[in-house]
Amino acid sequence: MKFIDTAIPDVKIIEPQVFGDERGFFMETFRASLFNENCAEREFVQENHSKSTHGILRGLHFQTENTQGKLVRITSGEVYDVAVDLRESSATFGQWVGVVLSAENKRQLWVPEGFAHGFYVMSQEAEFVYKCTDIYNPKSEVSIKWNDPHLKIDWPLVDGKLPSLSEKDQQGLAFEQAPKF
C-alpha cells in the first residue's frame, strides 16, 4: 500500500497495490499494522455501506460525541470526497481536502476524528464503504452546509446542477455556528 499526504497532513490517501490479469484482480484493502504506522493508531469498531445515485451529496457530517475517524472507499462508481478540519488548535483549522474516489482508482481516504466529512456522487450510482473508529450516534450528529461561504468547497457539480440533499443536510449549520473540537 502507498500512503499519500494531502494538504492537511492528518488526512491521508491510501492506494492499494492491485494484482490483476484477465481473470480479475486482487488487492489488500486494510492491514492494521500499516495503517497504524502510516496514518494513526486506531481500532475500527463499525463498518458501513451506503448506495447513492447521481447528484446526491451527503454531508458535511460529524458527531460531537462518539467522534468518528473514517476510512472510506468506493466499491462501485465515483464520488468527490471531502474532509473539513474542525480542530480549533490545528494549523489547518477550517481548511478542506477533496479527493476523487472510485471503484476504478481504488483509493481510500483516512478522515480522522475532528473532521466533518461529505461526498458527492459523480457517477450514475456509487456504493460507499467505510470503517469507523466509534459507533454511530444520531443524537450527536451535526451537518454543516455543503455550500458554506466560509469553506468555499469546490464541488465538481455535474452540469452545474445543485445536488440532491437530505432534509437534514438542507438544514445544515453554517461553519461559523457549528460546534468545533
Protein backbone atom coordinates (compact mmCIF):
# COMPACT_ATOMS: atom_id res chain seq x y z
CA MET A 1 0.00 0.00 0.00
CA LYS A 2 1.04 3.53 -0.72
CA PHE A 3 0.18 6.29 1.78
CA ILE A 4 -0.08 9.72 0.18
CA ASP A 5 -0.03 13.02 2.07
CA THR A 6 -2.69 15.65 1.36
CA ALA A 7 -2.71 19.40 2.01
CA ILE A 8 -3.91 18.52 5.52
CA PRO A 9 -1.19 16.26 6.99
CA ASP A 10 -3.53 14.10 9.12
CA VAL A 11 -5.76 13.25 6.13
CA LYS A 12 -4.20 10.51 4.00
CA ILE A 13 -4.93 8.94 0.64
CA ILE A 14 -4.27 5.20 0.60
CA GLU A 15 -3.57 3.45 -2.70
CA PRO A 16 -3.58 -0.33 -2.68
CA GLN A 17 -1.30 -2.44 -4.81
CA VAL A 18 -3.55 -4.18 -7.31
CA PHE A 19 -2.67 -7.54 -8.83
CA GLY A 20 -4.73 -8.25 -11.91
CA ASP A 21 -4.96 -10.35 -15.02
CA GLU A 22 -7.63 -11.46 -17.47
CA ARG A 23 -9.46 -13.24 -14.64
CA GLY A 24 -9.89 -10.16 -12.45
CA PHE A 25 -7.87 -8.62 -9.63
CA PHE A 26 -6.80 -8.94 -6.00
CA MET A 27 -5.90 -6.16 -3.59
CA GLU A 28 -5.34 -5.80 0.12
CA THR A 29 -7.62 -3.01 1.37
CA PHE A 30 -6.55 -2.84 5.02
CA ARG A 31 -3.76 -4.02 7.28
CA ALA A 32 -3.81 -2.68 10.86
CA SER A 33 -0.02 -2.55 11.29
CA LEU A 34 0.48 -0.49 8.10
CA PHE A 35 -2.44 1.79 8.89
CA ASN A 36 -1.21 2.38 12.45
CA GLU A 37 2.32 3.11 11.22
CA ASN A 38 1.32 5.46 8.37
CA CYS A 39 -1.94 7.10 9.49
CA ALA A 40 -2.85 6.72 13.16
CA GLU A 41 -3.14 4.02 15.80
CA ARG A 42 -6.84 3.27 15.73
CA GLU A 43 -9.22 0.40 16.22
CA PHE A 44 -12.22 0.27 13.91
CA VAL A 45 -15.45 -0.79 15.62
CA GLN A 46 -18.09 -0.37 12.90
CA GLU A 47 -18.26 -0.72 9.12
CA ASN A 48 -20.99 0.85 6.99
CA HIS A 49 -22.08 0.52 3.36
CA SER A 50 -24.29 3.01 1.53
CA LYS A 51 -25.57 3.34 -2.02
CA SER A 52 -26.43 6.68 -3.62
CA THR A 53 -27.39 7.85 -7.08
CA HIS A 54 -26.01 10.54 -9.36
CA GLY A 55 -26.04 14.08 -7.98
CA ILE A 56 -26.60 13.16 -4.33
CA LEU A 57 -24.44 14.98 -1.80
CA ARG A 58 -24.18 13.55 1.71
CA GLY A 59 -22.61 15.76 4.35
CA LEU A 60 -20.83 17.54 5.73
CA HIS A 61 -21.32 15.32 8.80
CA PHE A 62 -19.61 14.76 12.14
CA GLN A 63 -20.53 13.70 15.67
CA THR A 64 -19.90 15.75 18.80
CA GLU A 65 -19.97 12.55 20.91
CA ASN A 66 -18.64 9.17 19.82
CA THR A 67 -16.43 11.17 17.48
CA GLN A 68 -15.57 9.04 14.46
CA GLY A 69 -12.49 8.65 12.35
CA LYS A 70 -13.43 7.14 8.99
CA LEU A 71 -11.53 5.08 6.45
CA VAL A 72 -13.62 5.44 3.29
CA ARG A 73 -13.62 3.78 -0.14
CA ILE A 74 -15.86 3.22 -3.13
CA THR A 75 -16.74 -0.27 -4.36
CA SER A 76 -18.87 0.90 -7.31
CA GLY A 77 -18.97 4.25 -9.10
CA GLU A 78 -17.21 7.54 -8.35
CA VAL A 79 -17.51 10.29 -5.74
CA TYR A 80 -15.82 13.51 -4.76
CA ASP A 81 -14.96 13.03 -1.09
CA VAL A 82 -14.31 15.98 1.26
CA ALA A 83 -12.83 16.31 4.75
CA VAL A 84 -13.03 19.63 6.67
CA ASP A 85 -10.75 20.28 9.66
CA LEU A 86 -12.82 21.32 12.71
CA ARG A 87 -9.94 21.16 15.22
CA GLU A 88 -9.51 24.69 16.53
CA SER A 89 -5.94 24.05 17.70
CA SER A 90 -4.89 22.77 14.26
CA ALA A 91 -2.80 24.80 11.80
CA THR A 92 -5.28 23.67 9.11
CA PHE A 93 -8.45 24.58 11.06
CA GLY A 94 -11.27 25.50 8.64
CA GLN A 95 -9.44 24.07 5.63
CA TRP A 96 -10.66 21.19 3.47
CA VAL A 97 -9.30 18.45 1.24
CA GLY A 98 -11.21 16.97 -1.69
CA VAL A 99 -10.31 13.72 -3.47
CA VAL A 100 -11.94 11.69 -6.24
CA LEU A 101 -12.52 8.14 -5.02
CA SER A 102 -13.74 5.49 -7.42
CA ALA A 103 -14.05 1.77 -7.98
CA GLU A 104 -11.55 2.29 -10.80
CA ASN A 105 -8.79 4.11 -8.88
CA LYS A 106 -9.43 2.00 -5.73
CA ARG A 107 -8.15 4.81 -3.50
CA GLN A 108 -9.23 5.18 0.12
CA LEU A 109 -9.26 8.29 2.30
CA TRP A 110 -8.46 8.43 6.02
CA VAL A 111 -10.59 11.14 7.68
CA PRO A 112 -9.53 11.48 11.33
CA GLU A 113 -11.69 12.38 14.29
CA GLY A 114 -12.31 16.13 14.48
CA PHE A 115 -13.25 16.46 10.81
CA ALA A 116 -16.55 16.95 9.03
CA HIS A 117 -16.97 14.58 6.09
CA GLY A 118 -19.11 14.51 2.97
CA PHE A 119 -19.23 13.19 -0.57
CA TYR A 120 -20.87 13.99 -3.90
CA VAL A 121 -21.83 11.21 -6.34
CA MET A 122 -20.38 11.88 -9.80
CA SER A 123 -21.34 8.57 -11.46
CA GLN A 124 -24.81 7.12 -12.14
CA GLU A 125 -24.63 5.50 -8.71
CA ALA A 126 -21.96 4.79 -6.13
CA GLU A 127 -21.51 2.33 -3.30
CA PHE A 128 -19.58 3.76 -0.38
CA VAL A 129 -17.95 1.56 2.29
CA TYR A 130 -16.33 2.96 5.40
CA LYS A 131 -14.81 1.77 8.64
CA CYS A 132 -15.41 3.90 11.76
CA THR A 133 -13.45 4.29 15.00
CA ASP A 134 -16.62 4.73 17.05
CA ILE A 135 -20.29 3.85 16.80
CA TYR A 136 -22.93 5.90 15.02
CA ASN A 137 -24.72 8.21 17.45
CA PRO A 138 -27.57 10.04 15.65
CA LYS A 139 -28.28 12.23 18.71
CA SER A 140 -24.85 13.87 18.40
CA GLU A 141 -24.69 14.14 14.61
CA VAL A 142 -24.19 17.61 13.12
CA SER A 143 -24.39 18.70 9.50
CA ILE A 144 -22.58 21.73 8.08
CA LYS A 145 -23.98 23.31 4.92
CA TRP A 146 -22.34 21.82 1.84
CA ASN A 147 -22.01 25.27 0.23
CA ASP A 148 -20.89 27.25 3.27
CA PRO A 149 -19.35 30.55 2.04
CA HIS A 150 -16.56 30.40 4.65
CA LEU A 151 -15.36 26.98 3.46
CA LYS A 152 -15.71 27.64 -0.30
CA ILE A 153 -15.59 23.94 -1.20
CA ASP A 154 -15.15 23.49 -4.94
CA TRP A 155 -17.62 20.64 -5.51
CA PRO A 156 -17.44 19.27 -9.09
CA LEU A 157 -21.19 19.56 -9.68
CA VAL A 158 -22.19 17.77 -12.87
CA ASP A 159 -23.58 20.26 -15.41
CA GLY A 160 -23.60 22.85 -12.60
CA LYS A 161 -26.85 21.38 -11.21
CA LEU A 162 -27.49 21.74 -7.49
CA PRO A 163 -27.01 18.47 -5.60
CA SER A 164 -29.80 16.39 -4.12
CA LEU A 165 -29.74 16.73 -0.32
CA SER A 166 -31.47 15.07 2.62
CA GLU A 167 -33.70 17.26 4.77
CA LYS A 168 -31.03 17.12 7.50
CA ASP A 169 -28.38 18.41 5.10
CA GLN A 170 -30.69 21.12 3.77
CA GLN A 171 -30.95 22.35 7.37
CA GLY A 172 -27.17 22.20 7.92
CA LEU A 173 -25.43 24.77 10.09
CA ALA A 174 -23.07 27.46 8.88
CA PHE A 175 -19.43 26.60 9.57
CA GLU A 176 -19.16 29.58 11.93
CA GLN A 177 -22.09 28.31 14.05
CA ALA A 178 -21.18 24.61 14.07
CA PRO A 179 -19.54 23.04 17.13
CA LYS A 180 -15.77 22.63 16.89
CA PHE A 181 -13.19 20.38 18.52
